[in-house]
C-alpha atoms as a PDB file:
ATOM      1  CA  UNK A   1      67.516  -4.379-128.157  1.00  0.00           C
ATOM      2  CA  UNK A   2      66.855  -6.359-124.988  1.00  0.00           C
ATOM      3  CA  UNK A   3      63.537  -6.525-123.173  1.00  0.00           C
ATOM      4  CA  UNK A   4      63.480  -4.012-120.286  1.00  0.00           C
ATOM      5  CA  UNK A   5      63.559  -5.757-116.923  1.00  0.00           C
ATOM      6  CA  UNK A   6      60.727  -4.974-114.524  1.00  0.00           C
ATOM      7  CA  UNK A   7      61.947  -3.640-111.196  1.00  0.00           C
ATOM      8  CA  UNK A   8      61.158  -5.820-108.200  1.00  0.00           C
ATOM      9  CA  UNK A   9      58.391  -4.325-106.132  1.00  0.00           C
ATOM     10  CA  UNK A  10      59.285  -3.365-102.554  1.00  0.00           C
ATOM     11  CA  UNK A  11      57.660  -5.157 -99.601  1.00  0.00           C
ATOM     12  CA  UNK A  12      55.798  -1.955 -98.861  1.00  0.00           C
ATOM     13  CA  UNK A  13      54.518  -1.869-102.416  1.00  0.00           C
ATOM     14  CA  UNK A  14      53.175  -5.427-102.103  1.00  0.00           C
ATOM     15  CA  UNK A  15      51.522  -4.743 -98.763  1.00  0.00           C
ATOM     16  CA  UNK A  16      54.015  -6.825 -96.753  1.00  0.00           C
ATOM     17  CA  UNK A  17      55.418  -5.464 -93.482  1.00  0.00           C
ATOM     18  CA  UNK A  18      59.123  -4.693 -93.343  1.00  0.00           C
ATOM     19  CA  UNK A  19      61.469  -7.413 -92.155  1.00  0.00           C
ATOM     20  CA  UNK A  20      63.093  -6.411 -88.886  1.00  0.00           C
ATOM     21  CA  UNK A  21      65.133  -8.218 -86.268  1.00  0.00           C
ATOM     22  CA  UNK A  22      62.148  -7.924 -83.927  1.00  0.00           C
ATOM     23  CA  UNK A  23      59.811  -9.667 -86.413  1.00  0.00           C
ATOM     24  CA  UNK A  24      62.355 -12.419 -87.020  1.00  0.00           C
ATOM     25  CA  UNK A  25      62.772 -13.062 -83.295  1.00  0.00           C
ATOM     26  CA  UNK A  26      59.009 -12.961 -82.702  1.00  0.00           C
ATOM     27  CA  UNK A  27      58.525 -15.530 -85.454  1.00  0.00           C
ATOM     28  CA  UNK A  28      61.260 -17.778 -84.062  1.00  0.00           C
ATOM     29  CA  UNK A  29      59.852 -17.538 -80.548  1.00  0.00           C
ATOM     30  CA  UNK A  30      56.396 -18.488 -81.839  1.00  0.00           C
ATOM     31  CA  UNK A  31      57.824 -21.479 -83.733  1.00  0.00           C
ATOM     32  CA  UNK A  32      59.717 -22.555 -80.618  1.00  0.00           C
ATOM     33  CA  UNK A  33      56.546 -22.424 -78.525  1.00  0.00           C
ATOM     34  CA  UNK A  34      54.699 -24.389 -81.195  1.00  0.00           C
ATOM     35  CA  UNK A  35      57.258 -26.990 -82.286  1.00  0.00           C
ATOM     36  CA  UNK A  36      60.246 -26.762 -79.937  1.00  0.00           C
ATOM     37  CA  UNK A  37      63.603 -25.021 -80.267  1.00  0.00           C
ATOM     38  CA  UNK A  38      65.203 -27.791 -82.326  1.00  0.00           C
ATOM     39  CA  UNK A  39      62.259 -28.525 -84.616  1.00  0.00           C
ATOM     40  CA  UNK A  40      62.052 -25.571 -86.978  1.00  0.00           C
ATOM     41  CA  UNK A  41      64.269 -24.536 -89.866  1.00  0.00           C
ATOM     42  CA  UNK A  42      65.420 -21.173 -91.128  1.00  0.00           C
ATOM     43  CA  UNK A  43      63.263 -21.753 -94.197  1.00  0.00           C
ATOM     44  CA  UNK A  44      60.178 -22.300 -92.022  1.00  0.00           C
ATOM     45  CA  UNK A  45      60.987 -19.157 -90.077  1.00  0.00           C
ATOM     46  CA  UNK A  46      61.372 -17.208 -93.312  1.00  0.00           C
ATOM     47  CA  UNK A  47      58.018 -18.508 -94.519  1.00  0.00           C
ATOM     48  CA  UNK A  48      56.363 -17.422 -91.300  1.00  0.00           C
ATOM     49  CA  UNK A  49      57.440 -13.814 -91.790  1.00  0.00           C
ATOM     50  CA  UNK A  50      56.888 -13.960 -95.564  1.00  0.00           C
ATOM     51  CA  UNK A  51      60.510 -13.465 -96.487  1.00  0.00           C
ATOM     52  CA  UNK A  52      63.357 -15.533 -97.883  1.00  0.00           C
ATOM     53  CA  UNK A  53      66.046 -17.314 -95.802  1.00  0.00           C
ATOM     54  CA  UNK A  54      68.572 -14.936 -97.353  1.00  0.00           C
ATOM     55  CA  UNK A  55      66.701 -11.958 -95.908  1.00  0.00           C
ATOM     56  CA  UNK A  56      66.672 -13.580 -92.449  1.00  0.00           C
ATOM     57  CA  UNK A  57      70.393 -14.271 -92.764  1.00  0.00           C
ATOM     58  CA  UNK A  58      71.019 -10.676 -93.831  1.00  0.00           C
ATOM     59  CA  UNK A  59      69.272  -9.253 -90.771  1.00  0.00           C
ATOM     60  CA  UNK A  60      70.350 -11.745 -88.086  1.00  0.00           C
ATOM     61  CA  UNK A  61      72.733 -14.409 -89.374  1.00  0.00           C
ATOM     62  CA  UNK A  62      72.505 -18.189 -89.445  1.00  0.00           C
ATOM     63  CA  UNK A  63      70.108 -20.359 -87.451  1.00  0.00           C
ATOM     64  CA  UNK A  64      72.398 -20.429 -84.424  1.00  0.00           C
ATOM     65  CA  UNK A  65      72.353 -16.632 -84.319  1.00  0.00           C
ATOM     66  CA  UNK A  66      68.548 -16.711 -84.352  1.00  0.00           C
ATOM     67  CA  UNK A  67      68.516 -19.342 -81.594  1.00  0.00           C
ATOM     68  CA  UNK A  68      70.691 -17.108 -79.403  1.00  0.00           C
ATOM     69  CA  UNK A  69      68.156 -14.310 -79.804  1.00  0.00           C
ATOM     70  CA  UNK A  70      65.332 -16.701 -78.897  1.00  0.00           C
ATOM     71  CA  UNK A  71      67.217 -17.685 -75.748  1.00  0.00           C
ATOM     72  CA  UNK A  72      67.689 -14.033 -74.870  1.00  0.00           C
ATOM     73  CA  UNK A  73      63.972 -13.414 -75.334  1.00  0.00           C
ATOM     74  CA  UNK A  74      63.002 -16.364 -73.116  1.00  0.00           C
ATOM     75  CA  UNK A  75      65.545 -15.577 -70.388  1.00  0.00           C
ATOM     76  CA  UNK A  76      64.235 -12.018 -70.219  1.00  0.00           C
ATOM     77  CA  UNK A  77      60.796 -13.455 -69.366  1.00  0.00           C
ATOM     78  CA  UNK A  78      62.183 -14.985 -66.163  1.00  0.00           C
ATOM     79  CA  UNK A  79      61.366 -13.342 -62.854  1.00  0.00           C
ATOM     80  CA  UNK A  80      64.192 -12.826 -60.359  1.00  0.00           C
ATOM     81  CA  UNK A  81      63.145 -13.007 -56.674  1.00  0.00           C
ATOM     82  CA  UNK A  82      64.121 -10.241 -54.223  1.00  0.00           C
ATOM     83  CA  UNK A  83      67.699 -10.596 -53.038  1.00  0.00           C
ATOM     84  CA  UNK A  84      66.566  -9.954 -49.468  1.00  0.00           C
ATOM     85  CA  UNK A  85      65.389 -13.583 -49.233  1.00  0.00           C
ATOM     86  CA  UNK A  86      67.518 -16.370 -47.720  1.00  0.00           C
ATOM     87  CA  UNK A  87      69.524 -18.197 -50.383  1.00  0.00           C
ATOM     88  CA  UNK A  88      67.465 -21.396 -50.316  1.00  0.00           C
ATOM     89  CA  UNK A  89      64.106 -19.639 -50.544  1.00  0.00           C
ATOM     90  CA  UNK A  90      65.492 -17.422 -53.325  1.00  0.00           C
ATOM     91  CA  UNK A  91      66.537 -20.402 -55.429  1.00  0.00           C
ATOM     92  CA  UNK A  92      63.255 -22.220 -54.776  1.00  0.00           C
ATOM     93  CA  UNK A  93      61.257 -19.298 -56.167  1.00  0.00           C
ATOM     94  CA  UNK A  94      63.683 -18.769 -59.047  1.00  0.00           C
ATOM     95  CA  UNK A  95      63.444 -22.395 -60.162  1.00  0.00           C
ATOM     96  CA  UNK A  96      59.649 -22.540 -59.866  1.00  0.00           C
ATOM     97  CA  UNK A  97      59.515 -19.562 -62.219  1.00  0.00           C
ATOM     98  CA  UNK A  98      62.047 -21.205 -64.553  1.00  0.00           C
ATOM     99  CA  UNK A  99      59.755 -24.202 -64.907  1.00  0.00           C
ATOM    100  CA  UNK A 100      56.688 -22.019 -65.488  1.00  0.00           C
ATOM    101  CA  UNK A 101      58.423 -20.053 -68.253  1.00  0.00           C
ATOM    102  CA  UNK A 102      60.578 -22.731 -69.907  1.00  0.00           C
ATOM    103  CA  UNK A 103      57.728 -25.228 -70.278  1.00  0.00           C
ATOM    104  CA  UNK A 104      56.191 -22.751 -72.732  1.00  0.00           C
ATOM    105  CA  UNK A 105      59.246 -23.103 -74.986  1.00  0.00           C
ATOM    106  CA  UNK A 106      60.211 -26.786 -75.423  1.00  0.00           C
ATOM    107  CA  UNK A 107      63.900 -27.337 -76.016  1.00  0.00           C
ATOM    108  CA  UNK A 108      65.093 -24.170 -74.319  1.00  0.00           C
ATOM    109  CA  UNK A 109      65.623 -25.901 -70.965  1.00  0.00           C
ATOM    110  CA  UNK A 110      67.844 -28.536 -72.575  1.00  0.00           C
ATOM    111  CA  UNK A 111      69.909 -25.843 -74.254  1.00  0.00           C
ATOM    112  CA  UNK A 112      70.291 -23.969 -70.965  1.00  0.00           C
ATOM    113  CA  UNK A 113      71.258 -27.172 -69.148  1.00  0.00           C
ATOM    114  CA  UNK A 114      74.015 -27.789 -71.689  1.00  0.00           C
ATOM    115  CA  UNK A 115      75.380 -24.281 -72.185  1.00  0.00           C
ATOM    116  CA  UNK A 116      73.732 -21.884 -69.762  1.00  0.00           C
ATOM    117  CA  UNK A 117      72.160 -18.609 -70.896  1.00  0.00           C
ATOM    118  CA  UNK A 118      73.960 -16.004 -73.011  1.00  0.00           C
ATOM    119  CA  UNK A 119      75.844 -13.588 -70.755  1.00  0.00           C
ATOM    120  CA  UNK A 120      74.084 -10.701 -72.477  1.00  0.00           C
ATOM    121  CA  UNK A 121      70.809 -11.617 -70.783  1.00  0.00           C
ATOM    122  CA  UNK A 122      71.668 -14.252 -68.172  1.00  0.00           C
ATOM    123  CA  UNK A 123      74.540 -12.333 -66.614  1.00  0.00           C
ATOM    124  CA  UNK A 124      72.439 -10.455 -64.021  1.00  0.00           C
ATOM    125  CA  UNK A 125      70.755 -13.666 -62.809  1.00  0.00           C
ATOM    126  CA  UNK A 126      74.076 -15.507 -62.614  1.00  0.00           C
ATOM    127  CA  UNK A 127      75.733 -12.611 -60.806  1.00  0.00           C
ATOM    128  CA  UNK A 128      72.992 -12.411 -58.199  1.00  0.00           C
ATOM    129  CA  UNK A 129      72.697 -16.197 -57.789  1.00  0.00           C
ATOM    130  CA  UNK A 130      76.415 -16.692 -57.239  1.00  0.00           C
ATOM    131  CA  UNK A 131      76.499 -13.685 -54.939  1.00  0.00           C
ATOM    132  CA  UNK A 132      73.670 -15.187 -52.847  1.00  0.00           C
ATOM    133  CA  UNK A 133      75.783 -18.311 -52.399  1.00  0.00           C
ATOM    134  CA  UNK A 134      78.896 -16.301 -51.604  1.00  0.00           C
ATOM    135  CA  UNK A 135      77.065 -14.391 -48.899  1.00  0.00           C
ATOM    136  CA  UNK A 136      75.604 -17.637 -47.513  1.00  0.00           C
ATOM    137  CA  UNK A 137      79.132 -18.919 -46.963  1.00  0.00           C
ATOM    138  CA  UNK A 138      79.763 -21.370 -49.818  1.00  0.00           C
ATOM    139  CA  UNK A 139      83.143 -19.775 -50.533  1.00  0.00           C
ATOM    140  CA  UNK A 140      85.053 -21.520 -53.323  1.00  0.00           C
ATOM    141  CA  UNK A 141      82.080 -23.870 -53.851  1.00  0.00           C
ATOM    142  CA  UNK A 142      79.723 -21.098 -54.966  1.00  0.00           C
ATOM    143  CA  UNK A 143      80.215 -21.348 -58.752  1.00  0.00           C
ATOM    144  CA  UNK A 144      79.943 -25.151 -58.783  1.00  0.00           C
ATOM    145  CA  UNK A 145      76.955 -25.012 -56.431  1.00  0.00           C
ATOM    146  CA  UNK A 146      75.184 -22.515 -58.691  1.00  0.00           C
ATOM    147  CA  UNK A 147      75.781 -24.691 -61.745  1.00  0.00           C
ATOM    148  CA  UNK A 148      74.528 -27.824 -59.990  1.00  0.00           C
ATOM    149  CA  UNK A 149      71.310 -26.081 -58.919  1.00  0.00           C
ATOM    150  CA  UNK A 150      70.511 -24.573 -62.310  1.00  0.00           C
ATOM    151  CA  UNK A 151      71.541 -27.602 -64.354  1.00  0.00           C
ATOM    152  CA  UNK A 152      69.451 -29.932 -62.180  1.00  0.00           C
ATOM    153  CA  UNK A 153      66.364 -27.768 -62.632  1.00  0.00           C
ATOM    154  CA  UNK A 154      66.818 -27.369 -66.392  1.00  0.00           C
ATOM    155  CA  UNK A 155      67.463 -31.091 -66.891  1.00  0.00           C
ATOM    156  CA  UNK A 156      64.175 -32.022 -65.236  1.00  0.00           C
ATOM    157  CA  UNK A 157      62.283 -29.429 -67.264  1.00  0.00           C
ATOM    158  CA  UNK A 158      63.941 -30.859 -70.403  1.00  0.00           C
ATOM    159  CA  UNK A 159      62.880 -34.356 -69.316  1.00  0.00           C
ATOM    160  CA  UNK A 160      59.308 -33.135 -69.108  1.00  0.00           C
ATOM    161  CA  UNK A 161      59.616 -31.617 -72.598  1.00  0.00           C
ATOM    162  CA  UNK A 162      60.807 -34.970 -73.952  1.00  0.00           C
ATOM    163  CA  UNK A 163      58.083 -36.948 -72.204  1.00  0.00           C
ATOM    164  CA  UNK A 164      55.359 -34.796 -73.725  1.00  0.00           C
ATOM    165  CA  UNK A 165      56.648 -35.806 -77.145  1.00  0.00           C
ATOM    166  CA  UNK A 166      56.505 -39.580 -76.539  1.00  0.00           C
ATOM    167  CA  UNK A 167      53.136 -40.071 -74.866  1.00  0.00           C
ATOM    168  CA  UNK A 168      52.508 -43.371 -76.683  1.00  0.00           C
ATOM    169  CA  UNK A 169      55.812 -44.849 -75.482  1.00  0.00           C
ATOM    170  CA  UNK A 170      55.109 -43.674 -71.951  1.00  0.00           C
ATOM    171  CA  UNK A 171      51.678 -45.336 -72.027  1.00  0.00           C
ATOM    172  CA  UNK A 172      53.157 -48.631 -73.230  1.00  0.00           C
ATOM    173  CA  UNK A 173      55.769 -48.596 -70.459  1.00  0.00           C
ATOM    174  CA  UNK A 174      53.106 -47.762 -67.874  1.00  0.00           C
ATOM    175  CA  UNK A 175      51.039 -50.783 -68.909  1.00  0.00           C
ATOM    176  CA  UNK A 176      54.116 -52.985 -68.665  1.00  0.00           C
ATOM    177  CA  UNK A 177      54.938 -51.860 -65.117  1.00  0.00           C
ATOM    178  CA  UNK A 178      51.348 -52.228 -63.927  1.00  0.00           C
ATOM    179  CA  UNK A 179      51.677 -55.969 -64.473  1.00  0.00           C
ATOM    180  CA  UNK A 180      54.002 -56.105 -61.444  1.00  0.00           C
ATOM    181  CA  UNK A 181      51.462 -54.661 -58.981  1.00  0.00           C
ATOM    182  CA  UNK A 182      50.841 -57.979 -57.220  1.00  0.00           C
ATOM    183  CA  UNK A 183      54.343 -59.422 -57.385  1.00  0.00           C
ATOM    184  CA  UNK A 184      55.179 -60.064 -53.742  1.00  0.00           C
ATOM    185  CA  UNK A 185      58.489 -61.593 -54.846  1.00  0.00           C
ATOM    186  CA  UNK A 186      59.499 -58.271 -56.460  1.00  0.00           C
ATOM    187  CA  UNK A 187      58.425 -55.657 -53.898  1.00  0.00           C
ATOM    188  CA  UNK A 188      60.356 -52.835 -55.580  1.00  0.00           C
ATOM    189  CA  UNK A 189      58.710 -53.363 -58.954  1.00  0.00           C
ATOM    190  CA  UNK A 190      55.367 -53.922 -57.222  1.00  0.00           C
ATOM    191  CA  UNK A 191      55.684 -50.470 -55.625  1.00  0.00           C
ATOM    192  CA  UNK A 192      56.462 -48.934 -59.015  1.00  0.00           C
ATOM    193  CA  UNK A 193      53.545 -50.775 -60.624  1.00  0.00           C
ATOM    194  CA  UNK A 194      51.138 -49.593 -57.933  1.00  0.00           C
ATOM    195  CA  UNK A 195      52.393 -46.026 -58.309  1.00  0.00           C
ATOM    196  CA  UNK A 196      51.956 -46.121 -62.085  1.00  0.00           C
ATOM    197  CA  UNK A 197      48.525 -47.750 -61.800  1.00  0.00           C
ATOM    198  CA  UNK A 198      47.406 -44.799 -59.689  1.00  0.00           C
ATOM    199  CA  UNK A 199      48.084 -42.485 -62.639  1.00  0.00           C
ATOM    200  CA  UNK A 200      46.623 -44.701 -65.382  1.00  0.00           C
ATOM    201  CA  UNK A 201      44.007 -42.913 -67.460  1.00  0.00           C
ATOM    202  CA  UNK A 202      44.273 -39.742 -65.399  1.00  0.00           C
ATOM    203  CA  UNK A 203      46.143 -36.995 -67.285  1.00  0.00           C
ATOM    204  CA  UNK A 204      45.966 -34.662 -64.296  1.00  0.00           C
ATOM    205  CA  UNK A 205      47.889 -37.191 -62.200  1.00  0.00           C
ATOM    206  CA  UNK A 206      50.583 -37.389 -64.892  1.00  0.00           C
ATOM    207  CA  UNK A 207      50.906 -33.594 -64.824  1.00  0.00           C
ATOM    208  CA  UNK A 208      51.109 -33.688 -61.028  1.00  0.00           C
ATOM    209  CA  UNK A 209      53.810 -36.354 -61.255  1.00  0.00           C
ATOM    210  CA  UNK A 210      56.100 -34.108 -63.281  1.00  0.00           C
ATOM    211  CA  UNK A 211      55.482 -31.231 -60.884  1.00  0.00           C
ATOM    212  CA  UNK A 212      56.261 -33.478 -57.910  1.00  0.00           C
ATOM    213  CA  UNK A 213      59.329 -34.938 -59.627  1.00  0.00           C
ATOM    214  CA  UNK A 214      60.684 -31.474 -60.368  1.00  0.00           C
ATOM    215  CA  UNK A 215      60.068 -30.271 -56.827  1.00  0.00           C
ATOM    216  CA  UNK A 216      61.607 -33.413 -55.345  1.00  0.00           C
ATOM    217  CA  UNK A 217      64.751 -33.138 -57.503  1.00  0.00           C
ATOM    218  CA  UNK A 218      65.222 -29.431 -56.818  1.00  0.00           C
ATOM    219  CA  UNK A 219      64.660 -29.623 -53.073  1.00  0.00           C
ATOM    220  CA  UNK A 220      66.823 -32.710 -52.585  1.00  0.00           C
ATOM    221  CA  UNK A 221      69.550 -30.833 -54.473  1.00  0.00           C
ATOM    222  CA  UNK A 222      69.114 -27.873 -52.126  1.00  0.00           C
ATOM    223  CA  UNK A 223      69.090 -30.245 -49.136  1.00  0.00           C
ATOM    224  CA  UNK A 224      72.466 -31.585 -50.191  1.00  0.00           C
ATOM    225  CA  UNK A 225      73.900 -28.109 -50.617  1.00  0.00           C
ATOM    226  CA  UNK A 226      72.548 -27.069 -47.224  1.00  0.00           C
ATOM    227  CA  UNK A 227      74.345 -30.048 -45.680  1.00  0.00           C
ATOM    228  CA  UNK A 228      77.488 -29.042 -47.542  1.00  0.00           C
ATOM    229  CA  UNK A 229      77.153 -25.485 -46.238  1.00  0.00           C
ATOM    230  CA  UNK A 230      76.958 -26.794 -42.681  1.00  0.00           C
ATOM    231  CA  UNK A 231      80.138 -28.780 -43.220  1.00  0.00           C
ATOM    232  CA  UNK A 232      81.925 -25.743 -44.677  1.00  0.00           C
ATOM    233  CA  UNK A 233      80.932 -23.689 -41.650  1.00  0.00           C
ATOM    234  CA  UNK A 234      82.239 -26.376 -39.310  1.00  0.00           C
ATOM    235  CA  UNK A 235      85.594 -26.397 -41.080  1.00  0.00           C
ATOM    236  CA  UNK A 236      85.756 -22.615 -40.988  1.00  0.00           C
ATOM    237  CA  UNK A 237      85.086 -22.627 -37.236  1.00  0.00           C
ATOM    238  CA  UNK A 238      87.788 -25.245 -36.610  1.00  0.00           C
ATOM    239  CA  UNK A 239      90.342 -23.354 -38.671  1.00  0.00           C
END
């Protein structure tokens, strides 16, 4: 006669909370904020919620399925400006908020730059953004214009994510460029060296640099589109 097998105790019986989709997503969001979207595994996520990878897979699916839910969670944190604003002001506010939110979740901006948000959560923002451009007069350019604006913003946020992870390399490069400060024969490099020297040893200046770089990239992108809009209006008038 065989030895009776002991029944596995339920999570409730061991004092562990039930595994739900909400707990899985919350754990994945926390890991993303801590380590970045691409730097945690399904096994680490399972450990965080005191479950097995198989249980996570049962409730949600593979890692890519979890990532999609993380993206949905982050996109839902974004604030959409009032649609009564002029198109350029609307996008300026939208992108400032994107940077504020996405910097809390390293790796998400890069994913959005490459693929955009899931339609399930990003659809309303895309619909309103493209509609703002349609109403401004961009016509057939509106979808491409929207993609250029959003991709530019997300790429510069992703750049900032990457730079935070290689501080030592950035410091070494900064020291190298500072050596050109007094090179009158290389005025371009001298300007770069002087600029970098102004930030040396001052973390707040480095933070300001990334803010300024983001703002410069976004607003020069909007400048270009505003010029394009003027040209489109001229052609429409002539036709």
